[in-house]
Amino acid sequence: MILKRMEEKGLIALTKNLTRRNMIRVTLTEKGESARVEAFRLDRINKLFQNLSDEEVKTLYSLLTKVMNNSVEAMAEFESRTHHSLDIFHEYDIKLRAESSP
């Protein structure tokens, strides 16, 4: 539902894969890229943290770093458990781009 709303607002483009019907390619449009850039403007981000002390910002950074490292480890475990390289997604993306090129 979220992707459909984003598509209706012109932020992303959803493209069905004709070969693998259960897959949909999500592409950021120019309008979506502008919205992304605007959302991450430094002055707006600073407002999110304006009420945090320096110590709280350090704690938040530390916690987010741990979450990021845990997610990297989880992806590595997933890759080794399934015996599939996650590069398959990258290769598939390249193949799709080649197929859709004129």
PDB file of N, CA and C in Angstrom:
ATOM      1  N   MET A   1       0.816  -1.188   0.000  1.00  0.00           N
ATOM      2  CA  MET A   1       0.000   0.000   0.000  1.00  0.00           C
ATOM      3  C   MET A   1       0.866   1.261   0.000  1.00  0.00           C
ATOM      4  N   ILE A   2       1.955   1.238   0.763  1.00  0.00           N
ATOM      5  CA  ILE A   2       2.830   2.412   0.827  1.00  0.00           C
ATOM      6  C   ILE A   2       3.448   2.678  -0.533  1.00  0.00           C
ATOM      7  N   LEU A   3       3.909   1.622  -1.190  1.00  0.00           N
ATOM      8  CA  LEU A   3       4.515   1.811  -2.512  1.00  0.00           C
ATOM      9  C   LEU A   3       3.494   2.328  -3.515  1.00  0.00           C
ATOM     10  N   LYS A   4       2.280   1.836  -3.442  1.00  0.00           N
ATOM     11  CA  LYS A   4       1.231   2.307  -4.350  1.00  0.00           C
ATOM     12  C   LYS A   4       0.971   3.800  -4.146  1.00  0.00           C
ATOM     13  N   ARG A   5       0.919   4.235  -2.863  1.00  0.00           N
ATOM     14  CA  ARG A   5       0.699   5.659  -2.587  1.00  0.00           C
ATOM     15  C   ARG A   5       1.861   6.491  -3.091  1.00  0.00           C
ATOM     16  N   MET A   6       3.074   5.987  -2.911  1.00  0.00           N
ATOM     17  CA  MET A   6       4.250   6.713  -3.392  1.00  0.00           C
ATOM     18  C   MET A   6       4.223   6.808  -4.910  1.00  0.00           C
ATOM     19  N   GLU A   7       3.768   5.742  -5.566  1.00  0.00           N
ATOM     20  CA  GLU A   7       3.660   5.757  -7.022  1.00  0.00           C
ATOM     21  C   GLU A   7       2.613   6.771  -7.466  1.00  0.00           C
ATOM     22  N   GLU A   8       1.470   6.815  -6.780  1.00  0.00           N
ATOM     23  CA  GLU A   8       0.416   7.767  -7.118  1.00  0.00           C
ATOM     24  C   GLU A   8       0.894   9.211  -6.980  1.00  0.00           C
ATOM     25  N   LYS A   9       1.795   9.452  -6.043  1.00  0.00           N
ATOM     26  CA  LYS A   9       2.329  10.798  -5.834  1.00  0.00           C
ATOM     27  C   LYS A   9       3.493  11.106  -6.772  1.00  0.00           C
ATOM     28  N   GLY A  10       3.887  10.118  -7.595  1.00  0.00           N
ATOM     29  CA  GLY A  10       4.953  10.344  -8.565  1.00  0.00           C
ATOM     30  C   GLY A  10       6.357  10.259  -7.979  1.00  0.00           C
ATOM     31  N   LEU A  11       6.485   9.660  -6.796  1.00  0.00           N
ATOM     32  CA  LEU A  11       7.793   9.561  -6.149  1.00  0.00           C
ATOM     33  C   LEU A  11       8.593   8.354  -6.631  1.00  0.00           C
ATOM     34  N   ILE A  12       7.888   7.287  -7.001  1.00  0.00           N
ATOM     35  CA  ILE A  12       8.540   6.074  -7.489  1.00  0.00           C
ATOM     36  C   ILE A  12       7.789   5.550  -8.707  1.00  0.00           C
ATOM     37  N   ALA A  13       8.463   4.674  -9.433  1.00  0.00           N
ATOM     38  CA  ALA A  13       7.825   3.970 -10.544  1.00  0.00           C
ATOM     39  C   ALA A  13       7.886   2.481 -10.232  1.00  0.00           C
ATOM     40  N   LEU A  14       6.768   1.801 -10.379  1.00  0.00           N
ATOM     41  CA  LEU A  14       6.702   0.363 -10.169  1.00  0.00           C
ATOM     42  C   LEU A  14       6.585  -0.314 -11.529  1.00  0.00           C
ATOM     43  N   THR A  15       7.492  -1.234 -11.798  1.00  0.00           N
ATOM     44  CA  THR A  15       7.505  -1.920 -13.079  1.00  0.00           C
ATOM     45  C   THR A  15       7.423  -3.420 -12.849  1.00  0.00           C
ATOM     46  N   LYS A  16       6.432  -4.056 -13.444  1.00  0.00           N
ATOM     47  CA  LYS A  16       6.295  -5.502 -13.305  1.00  0.00           C
ATOM     48  C   LYS A  16       7.334  -6.194 -14.175  1.00  0.00           C
ATOM     49  N   ASN A  17       7.842  -7.285 -13.663  1.00  0.00           N
ATOM     50  CA  ASN A  17       8.798  -8.087 -14.402  1.00  0.00           C
ATOM     51  C   ASN A  17       8.013  -9.105 -15.217  1.00  0.00           C
ATOM     52  N   LEU A  18       8.161  -9.051 -16.518  1.00  0.00           N
ATOM     53  CA  LEU A  18       7.394  -9.952 -17.376  1.00  0.00           C
ATOM     54  C   LEU A  18       7.878 -11.389 -17.275  1.00  0.00           C
ATOM     55  N   THR A  19       9.163 -11.576 -16.954  1.00  0.00           N
ATOM     56  CA  THR A  19       9.711 -12.919 -16.849  1.00  0.00           C
ATOM     57  C   THR A  19       9.339 -13.563 -15.521  1.00  0.00           C
ATOM     58  N   ARG A  20       9.498 -12.812 -14.462  1.00  0.00           N
ATOM     59  CA  ARG A  20       9.174 -13.311 -13.117  1.00  0.00           C
ATOM     60  C   ARG A  20       8.043 -12.455 -12.571  1.00  0.00           C
ATOM     61  N   ARG A  21       6.855 -12.930 -12.730  1.00  0.00           N
ATOM     62  CA  ARG A  21       5.664 -12.134 -12.422  1.00  0.00           C
ATOM     63  C   ARG A  21       5.500 -11.788 -10.945  1.00  0.00           C
ATOM     64  N   ASN A  22       6.213 -12.478 -10.071  1.00  0.00           N
ATOM     65  CA  ASN A  22       6.092 -12.177  -8.647  1.00  0.00           C
ATOM     66  C   ASN A  22       7.061 -11.084  -8.200  1.00  0.00           C
ATOM     67  N   MET A  23       7.809 -10.503  -9.132  1.00  0.00           N
ATOM     68  CA  MET A  23       8.767  -9.461  -8.798  1.00  0.00           C
ATOM     69  C   MET A  23       8.350  -8.131  -9.414  1.00  0.00           C
ATOM     70  N   ILE A  24       8.606  -7.059  -8.671  1.00  0.00           N
ATOM     71  CA  ILE A  24       8.313  -5.712  -9.141  1.00  0.00           C
ATOM     72  C   ILE A  24       9.552  -4.855  -8.905  1.00  0.00           C
ATOM     73  N   ARG A  25       9.945  -4.113  -9.921  1.00  0.00           N
ATOM     74  CA  ARG A  25      11.086  -3.199  -9.800  1.00  0.00           C
ATOM     75  C   ARG A  25      10.571  -1.858  -9.290  1.00  0.00           C
ATOM     76  N   VAL A  26      11.249  -1.336  -8.264  1.00  0.00           N
ATOM     77  CA  VAL A  26      10.903  -0.033  -7.700  1.00  0.00           C
ATOM     78  C   VAL A  26      12.017   0.928  -8.082  1.00  0.00           C
ATOM     79  N   THR A  27      11.641   2.000  -8.780  1.00  0.00           N
ATOM     80  CA  THR A  27      12.612   2.989  -9.235  1.00  0.00           C
ATOM     81  C   THR A  27      12.228   4.359  -8.708  1.00  0.00           C
ATOM     82  N   LEU A  28      13.215   5.077  -8.183  1.00  0.00           N
ATOM     83  CA  LEU A  28      12.991   6.427  -7.693  1.00  0.00           C
ATOM     84  C   LEU A  28      12.892   7.378  -8.885  1.00  0.00           C
ATOM     85  N   THR A  29      11.840   8.186  -8.923  1.00  0.00           N
ATOM     86  CA  THR A  29      11.674   9.157 -10.006  1.00  0.00           C
ATOM     87  C   THR A  29      12.452  10.428  -9.661  1.00  0.00           C
ATOM     88  N   GLU A  30      12.507  11.363 -10.609  1.00  0.00           N
ATOM     89  CA  GLU A  30      13.161  12.647 -10.335  1.00  0.00           C
ATOM     90  C   GLU A  30      12.466  13.362  -9.187  1.00  0.00           C
ATOM     91  N   LYS A  31      11.140  13.315  -9.163  1.00  0.00           N
ATOM     92  CA  LYS A  31      10.386  13.936  -8.072  1.00  0.00           C
ATOM     93  C   LYS A  31      10.717  13.248  -6.742  1.00  0.00           C
ATOM     94  N   GLY A  32      10.859  11.925  -6.779  1.00  0.00           N
ATOM     95  CA  GLY A  32      11.212  11.171  -5.580  1.00  0.00           C
ATOM     96  C   GLY A  32      12.608  11.511  -5.093  1.00  0.00           C
ATOM     97  N   GLU A  33      13.531  11.672  -6.021  1.00  0.00           N
ATOM     98  CA  GLU A  33      14.905  12.041  -5.666  1.00  0.00           C
ATOM     99  C   GLU A  33      14.933  13.432  -5.044  1.00  0.00           C
ATOM    100  N   SER A  34      14.165  14.350  -5.597  1.00  0.00           N
ATOM    101  CA  SER A  34      14.080  15.702  -5.019  1.00  0.00           C
ATOM    102  C   SER A  34      13.514  15.644  -3.605  1.00  0.00           C
ATOM    103  N   ALA A  35      12.503  14.819  -3.398  1.00  0.00           N
ATOM    104  CA  ALA A  35      11.906  14.676  -2.065  1.00  0.00           C
ATOM    105  C   ALA A  35      12.899  14.065  -1.092  1.00  0.00           C
ATOM    106  N   ARG A  36      13.688  13.098  -1.565  1.00  0.00           N
ATOM    107  CA  ARG A  36      14.697  12.463  -0.716  1.00  0.00           C
ATOM    108  C   ARG A  36      15.740  13.475  -0.288  1.00  0.00           C
ATOM    109  N   VAL A  37      16.217  14.262  -1.241  1.00  0.00           N
ATOM    110  CA  VAL A  37      17.224  15.278  -0.938  1.00  0.00           C
ATOM    111  C   VAL A  37      16.669  16.291   0.054  1.00  0.00           C
ATOM    112  N   GLU A  38      15.437  16.720  -0.176  1.00  0.00           N
ATOM    113  CA  GLU A  38      14.803  17.703   0.710  1.00  0.00           C
ATOM    114  C   GLU A  38      14.620  17.140   2.119  1.00  0.00           C
ATOM    115  N   ALA A  39      14.239  15.878   2.213  1.00  0.00           N
ATOM    116  CA  ALA A  39      14.002  15.259   3.524  1.00  0.00           C
ATOM    117  C   ALA A  39      15.275  15.157   4.345  1.00  0.00           C
ATOM    118  N   PHE A  40      16.409  15.033   3.671  1.00  0.00           N
ATOM    119  CA  PHE A  40      17.669  14.843   4.385  1.00  0.00           C
ATOM    120  C   PHE A  40      18.515  16.102   4.454  1.00  0.00           C
ATOM    121  N   ARG A  41      17.881  17.251   4.257  1.00  0.00           N
ATOM    122  CA  ARG A  41      18.618  18.506   4.409  1.00  0.00           C
ATOM    123  C   ARG A  41      19.112  18.621   5.840  1.00  0.00           C
ATOM    124  N   LEU A  42      20.327  19.111   5.999  1.00  0.00           N
ATOM    125  CA  LEU A  42      20.977  19.162   7.301  1.00  0.00           C
ATOM    126  C   LEU A  42      20.189  19.963   8.323  1.00  0.00           C
ATOM    127  N   ASP A  43      19.590  21.075   7.916  1.00  0.00           N
ATOM    128  CA  ASP A  43      18.851  21.878   8.888  1.00  0.00           C
ATOM    129  C   ASP A  43      17.643  21.135   9.443  1.00  0.00           C
ATOM    130  N   ARG A  44      17.022  20.323   8.616  1.00  0.00           N
ATOM    131  CA  ARG A  44      15.881  19.531   9.091  1.00  0.00           C
ATOM    132  C   ARG A  44      16.339  18.412  10.004  1.00  0.00           C
ATOM    133  N   ILE A  45      17.436  17.791   9.675  1.00  0.00           N
ATOM    134  CA  ILE A  45      17.972  16.722  10.524  1.00  0.00           C
ATOM    135  C   ILE A  45      18.388  17.287  11.870  1.00  0.00           C
ATOM    136  N   ASN A  46      18.991  18.456  11.875  1.00  0.00           N
ATOM    137  CA  ASN A  46      19.399  19.075  13.137  1.00  0.00           C
ATOM    138  C   ASN A  46      18.213  19.293  14.064  1.00  0.00           C
ATOM    139  N   LYS A  47      17.048  19.608  13.494  1.00  0.00           N
ATOM    140  CA  LYS A  47      15.857  19.807  14.319  1.00  0.00           C
ATOM    141  C   LYS A  47      15.464  18.522  15.046  1.00  0.00           C
ATOM    142  N   LEU A  48      15.726  17.386  14.429  1.00  0.00           N
ATOM    143  CA  LEU A  48      15.399  16.109  15.060  1.00  0.00           C
ATOM    144  C   LEU A  48      16.204  15.885  16.329  1.00  0.00           C
ATOM    145  N   PHE A  49      17.402  16.438  16.364  1.00  0.00           N
ATOM    146  CA  PHE A  49      18.314  16.189  17.474  1.00  0.00           C
ATOM    147  C   PHE A  49      18.497  17.399  18.388  1.00  0.00           C
ATOM    148  N   GLN A  50      17.745  18.457  18.190  1.00  0.00           N
ATOM    149  CA  GLN A  50      17.982  19.704  18.920  1.00  0.00           C
ATOM    150  C   GLN A  50      17.782  19.576  20.429  1.00  0.00           C
ATOM    151  N   ASN A  51      16.933  18.677  20.877  1.00  0.00           N
ATOM    152  CA  ASN A  51      16.679  18.530  22.310  1.00  0.00           C
ATOM    153  C   ASN A  51      17.549  17.463  22.964  1.00  0.00           C
ATOM    154  N   LEU A  52      18.461  16.868  22.216  1.00  0.00           N
ATOM    155  CA  LEU A  52      19.333  15.835  22.770  1.00  0.00           C
ATOM    156  C   LEU A  52      20.641  16.454  23.239  1.00  0.00           C
ATOM    157  N   SER A  53      21.109  15.978  24.368  1.00  0.00           N
ATOM    158  CA  SER A  53      22.410  16.429  24.858  1.00  0.00           C
ATOM    159  C   SER A  53      23.505  15.749  24.044  1.00  0.00           C
ATOM    160  N   ASP A  54      24.722  16.233  24.174  1.00  0.00           N
ATOM    161  CA  ASP A  54      25.853  15.609  23.476  1.00  0.00           C
ATOM    162  C   ASP A  54      25.983  14.144  23.877  1.00  0.00           C
ATOM    163  N   GLU A  55      25.765  13.853  25.138  1.00  0.00           N
ATOM    164  CA  GLU A  55      25.860  12.469  25.622  1.00  0.00           C
ATOM    165  C   GLU A  55      24.772  11.595  25.010  1.00  0.00           C
ATOM    166  N   GLU A  56      23.573  12.133  24.891  1.00  0.00           N
ATOM    167  CA  GLU A  56      22.471  11.385  24.275  1.00  0.00           C
ATOM    168  C   GLU A  56      22.745  11.125  22.794  1.00  0.00           C
ATOM    169  N   VAL A  57      23.317  12.103  22.109  1.00  0.00           N
ATOM    170  CA  VAL A  57      23.663  11.916  20.693  1.00  0.00           C
ATOM    171  C   VAL A  57      24.714  10.816  20.566  1.00  0.00           C
ATOM    172  N   LYS A  58      25.707  10.802  21.445  1.00  0.00           N
ATOM    173  CA  LYS A  58      26.738   9.753  21.420  1.00  0.00           C
ATOM    174  C   LYS A  58      26.125   8.381  21.681  1.00  0.00           C
ATOM    175  N   THR A  59      25.200   8.320  22.634  1.00  0.00           N
ATOM    176  CA  THR A  59      24.527   7.051  22.940  1.00  0.00           C
ATOM    177  C   THR A  59      23.706   6.577  21.749  1.00  0.00           C
ATOM    178  N   LEU A  60      22.963   7.492  21.134  1.00  0.00           N
ATOM    179  CA  LEU A  60      22.160   7.154  19.957  1.00  0.00           C
ATOM    180  C   LEU A  60      23.043   6.635  18.830  1.00  0.00           C
ATOM    181  N   TYR A  61      24.151   7.322  18.584  1.00  0.00           N
ATOM    182  CA  TYR A  61      25.086   6.910  17.538  1.00  0.00           C
ATOM    183  C   TYR A  61      25.609   5.503  17.826  1.00  0.00           C
ATOM    184  N   SER A  62      25.967   5.263  19.078  1.00  0.00           N
ATOM    185  CA  SER A  62      26.483   3.952  19.469  1.00  0.00           C
ATOM    186  C   SER A  62      25.440   2.859  19.244  1.00  0.00           C
ATOM    187  N   LEU A  63      24.205   3.127  19.654  1.00  0.00           N
ATOM    188  CA  LEU A  63      23.132   2.142  19.484  1.00  0.00           C
ATOM    189  C   LEU A  63      22.825   1.878  18.011  1.00  0.00           C
ATOM    190  N   LEU A  64      22.771   2.933  17.213  1.00  0.00           N
ATOM    191  CA  LEU A  64      22.493   2.754  15.785  1.00  0.00           C
ATOM    192  C   LEU A  64      23.623   2.002  15.091  1.00  0.00           C
ATOM    193  N   THR A  65      24.853   2.237  15.534  1.00  0.00           N
ATOM    194  CA  THR A  65      25.997   1.502  14.979  1.00  0.00           C
ATOM    195  C   THR A  65      25.870   0.015  15.291  1.00  0.00           C
ATOM    196  N   LYS A  66      25.457  -0.303  16.518  1.00  0.00           N
ATOM    197  CA  LYS A  66      25.258  -1.709  16.886  1.00  0.00           C
ATOM    198  C   LYS A  66      24.168  -2.352  16.038  1.00  0.00           C
ATOM    199  N   VAL A  67      23.063  -1.629  15.827  1.00  0.00           N
ATOM    200  CA  VAL A  67      21.971  -2.154  15.001  1.00  0.00           C
ATOM    201  C   VAL A  67      22.459  -2.399  13.574  1.00  0.00           C
ATOM    202  N   MET A  68      23.230  -1.454  13.034  1.00  0.00           N
ATOM    203  CA  MET A  68      23.758  -1.609  11.679  1.00  0.00           C
ATOM    204  C   MET A  68      24.679  -2.832  11.606  1.00  0.00           C
ATOM    205  N   ASN A  69      25.567  -2.980  12.571  1.00  0.00           N
ATOM    206  CA  ASN A  69      26.478  -4.129  12.572  1.00  0.00           C
ATOM    207  C   ASN A  69      25.723  -5.441  12.712  1.00  0.00           C
ATOM    208  N   ASN A  70      24.677  -5.452  13.549  1.00  0.00           N
ATOM    209  CA  ASN A  70      23.863  -6.663  13.690  1.00  0.00           C
ATOM    210  C   ASN A  70      23.173  -7.015  12.377  1.00  0.00           C
ATOM    211  N   SER A  71      22.711  -6.000  11.648  1.00  0.00           N
ATOM    212  CA  SER A  71      22.035  -6.276  10.379  1.00  0.00           C
ATOM    213  C   SER A  71      23.015  -6.818   9.344  1.00  0.00           C
ATOM    214  N   VAL A  72      24.243  -6.309   9.350  1.00  0.00           N
ATOM    215  CA  VAL A  72      25.268  -6.829   8.434  1.00  0.00           C
ATOM    216  C   VAL A  72      25.557  -8.285   8.759  1.00  0.00           C
ATOM    217  N   GLU A  73      25.692  -8.589  10.048  1.00  0.00           N
ATOM    218  CA  GLU A  73      25.940  -9.975  10.460  1.00  0.00           C
ATOM    219  C   GLU A  73      24.771 -10.883  10.092  1.00  0.00           C
ATOM    220  N   ALA A  74      23.551 -10.388  10.277  1.00  0.00           N
ATOM    221  CA  ALA A  74      22.372 -11.189   9.943  1.00  0.00           C
ATOM    222  C   ALA A  74      22.328 -11.491   8.449  1.00  0.00           C
ATOM    223  N   MET A  75      22.666 -10.501   7.629  1.00  0.00           N
ATOM    224  CA  MET A  75      22.685 -10.733   6.177  1.00  0.00           C
ATOM    225  C   MET A  75      23.766 -11.739   5.806  1.00  0.00           C
ATOM    226  N   ALA A  76      24.921 -11.667   6.470  1.00  0.00           N
ATOM    227  CA  ALA A  76      25.998 -12.624   6.198  1.00  0.00           C
ATOM    228  C   ALA A  76      25.565 -14.026   6.591  1.00  0.00           C
ATOM    229  N   GLU A  77      24.873 -14.166   7.725  1.00  0.00           N
ATOM    230  CA  GLU A  77      24.362 -15.478   8.142  1.00  0.00           C
ATOM    231  C   GLU A  77      23.346 -15.997   7.146  1.00  0.00           C
ATOM    232  N   PHE A  78      22.474 -15.129   6.680  1.00  0.00           N
ATOM    233  CA  PHE A  78      21.464 -15.514   5.696  1.00  0.00           C
ATOM    234  C   PHE A  78      22.145 -16.034   4.441  1.00  0.00           C
ATOM    235  N   GLU A  79      23.161 -15.306   3.998  1.00  0.00           N
ATOM    236  CA  GLU A  79      23.876 -15.699   2.782  1.00  0.00           C
ATOM    237  C   GLU A  79      24.525 -17.059   2.948  1.00  0.00           C
ATOM    238  N   SER A  80      25.169 -17.302   4.086  1.00  0.00           N
ATOM    239  CA  SER A  80      25.854 -18.578   4.274  1.00  0.00           C
ATOM    240  C   SER A  80      24.864 -19.717   4.494  1.00  0.00           C
ATOM    241  N   ARG A  81      23.721 -19.445   5.150  1.00  0.00           N
ATOM    242  CA  ARG A  81      22.718 -20.476   5.387  1.00  0.00           C
ATOM    243  C   ARG A  81      22.048 -20.928   4.098  1.00  0.00           C
ATOM    244  N   THR A  82      21.826 -20.007   3.204  1.00  0.00           N
ATOM    245  CA  THR A  82      21.105 -20.350   1.982  1.00  0.00           C
ATOM    246  C   THR A  82      22.037 -20.802   0.867  1.00  0.00           C
ATOM    247  N   HIS A  83      23.321 -20.641   1.102  1.00  0.00           N
ATOM    248  CA  HIS A  83      24.326 -21.007   0.098  1.00  0.00           C
ATOM    249  C   HIS A  83      24.140 -20.245  -1.210  1.00  0.00           C
ATOM    250  N   HIS A  84      23.524 -19.091  -1.116  1.00  0.00           N
ATOM    251  CA  HIS A  84      23.345 -18.229  -2.269  1.00  0.00           C
ATOM    252  C   HIS A  84      24.093 -16.931  -2.022  1.00  0.00           C
ATOM    253  N   SER A  85      24.754 -16.478  -3.012  1.00  0.00           N
ATOM    254  CA  SER A  85      25.409 -15.188  -2.898  1.00  0.00           C
ATOM    255  C   SER A  85      24.362 -14.106  -3.104  1.00  0.00           C
ATOM    256  N   LEU A  86      24.432 -13.068  -2.308  1.00  0.00           N
ATOM    257  CA  LEU A  86      23.494 -11.962  -2.482  1.00  0.00           C
ATOM    258  C   LEU A  86      23.775 -11.186  -3.756  1.00  0.00           C
ATOM    259  N   ASP A  87      24.900 -11.501  -4.414  1.00  0.00           N
ATOM    260  CA  ASP A  87      25.213 -10.859  -5.689  1.00  0.00           C
ATOM    261  C   ASP A  87      24.189 -11.210  -6.756  1.00  0.00           C
ATOM    262  N   ILE A  88      23.426 -12.261  -6.535  1.00  0.00           N
ATOM    263  CA  ILE A  88      22.422 -12.664  -7.520  1.00  0.00           C
ATOM    264  C   ILE A  88      21.429 -11.531  -7.775  1.00  0.00           C
ATOM    265  N   PHE A  89      21.122 -10.738  -6.722  1.00  0.00           N
ATOM    266  CA  PHE A  89      20.205  -9.621  -6.900  1.00  0.00           C
ATOM    267  C   PHE A  89      20.816  -8.561  -7.804  1.00  0.00           C
ATOM    268  N   HIS A  90      22.103  -8.307  -7.627  1.00  0.00           N
ATOM    269  CA  HIS A  90      22.803  -7.331  -8.463  1.00  0.00           C
ATOM    270  C   HIS A  90      22.849  -7.823  -9.916  1.00  0.00           C
ATOM    271  N   GLU A  91      23.180  -9.087 -10.099  1.00  0.00           N
ATOM    272  CA  GLU A  91      23.240  -9.655 -11.450  1.00  0.00           C
ATOM    273  C   GLU A  91      21.867  -9.604 -12.120  1.00  0.00           C
ATOM    274  N   TYR A  92      20.825  -9.889 -11.349  1.00  0.00           N
ATOM    275  CA  TYR A  92      19.470  -9.859 -11.881  1.00  0.00           C
ATOM    276  C   TYR A  92      19.096  -8.447 -12.308  1.00  0.00           C
ATOM    277  N   ASP A  93      19.490  -7.460 -11.508  1.00  0.00           N
ATOM    278  CA  ASP A  93      19.227  -6.056 -11.836  1.00  0.00           C
ATOM    279  C   ASP A  93      19.918  -5.674 -13.140  1.00  0.00           C
ATOM    280  N   ILE A  94      21.165  -6.076 -13.310  1.00  0.00           N
ATOM    281  CA  ILE A  94      21.912  -5.784 -14.542  1.00  0.00           C
ATOM    282  C   ILE A  94      21.211  -6.428 -15.744  1.00  0.00           C
ATOM    283  N   LYS A  95      20.765  -7.663 -15.570  1.00  0.00           N
ATOM    284  CA  LYS A  95      20.074  -8.372 -16.647  1.00  0.00           C
ATOM    285  C   LYS A  95      18.782  -7.641 -17.045  1.00  0.00           C
ATOM    286  N   LEU A  96      18.025  -7.176 -16.041  1.00  0.00           N
ATOM    287  CA  LEU A  96      16.784  -6.460 -16.320  1.00  0.00           C
ATOM    288  C   LEU A  96      17.049  -5.165 -17.081  1.00  0.00           C
ATOM    289  N   ARG A  97      18.086  -4.476 -16.672  1.00  0.00           N
ATOM    290  CA  ARG A  97      18.419  -3.221 -17.353  1.00  0.00           C
ATOM    291  C   ARG A  97      18.809  -3.486 -18.816  1.00  0.00           C
ATOM    292  N   ALA A  98      19.550  -4.556 -19.037  1.00  0.00           N
ATOM    293  CA  ALA A  98      19.968  -4.892 -20.396  1.00  0.00           C
ATOM    294  C   ALA A  98      18.758  -5.254 -21.258  1.00  0.00           C
ATOM    295  N   GLU A  99      17.806  -5.979 -20.660  1.00  0.00           N
ATOM    296  CA  GLU A  99      16.607  -6.382 -21.397  1.00  0.00           C
ATOM    297  C   GLU A  99      15.724  -5.193 -21.743  1.00  0.00           C
ATOM    298  N   SER A 100      15.714  -4.187 -20.875  1.00  0.00           N
ATOM    299  CA  SER A 100      14.819  -3.052 -21.113  1.00  0.00           C
ATOM    300  C   SER A 100      15.481  -1.961 -21.953  1.00  0.00           C
ATOM    301  N   SER A 101      16.777  -2.089 -22.222  1.00  0.00           N
ATOM    302  CA  SER A 101      17.456  -1.103 -23.058  1.00  0.00           C
ATOM    303  C   SER A 101      17.048  -1.257 -24.521  1.00  0.00           C
ATOM    304  N   PRO A 102      16.945  -0.129 -25.231  1.00  0.00           N
ATOM    305  CA  PRO A 102      16.547  -0.233 -26.652  1.00  0.00           C
ATOM    306  C   PRO A 102      17.635  -0.843 -27.503  1.00  0.00           C
TER     307      PRO A 102
END
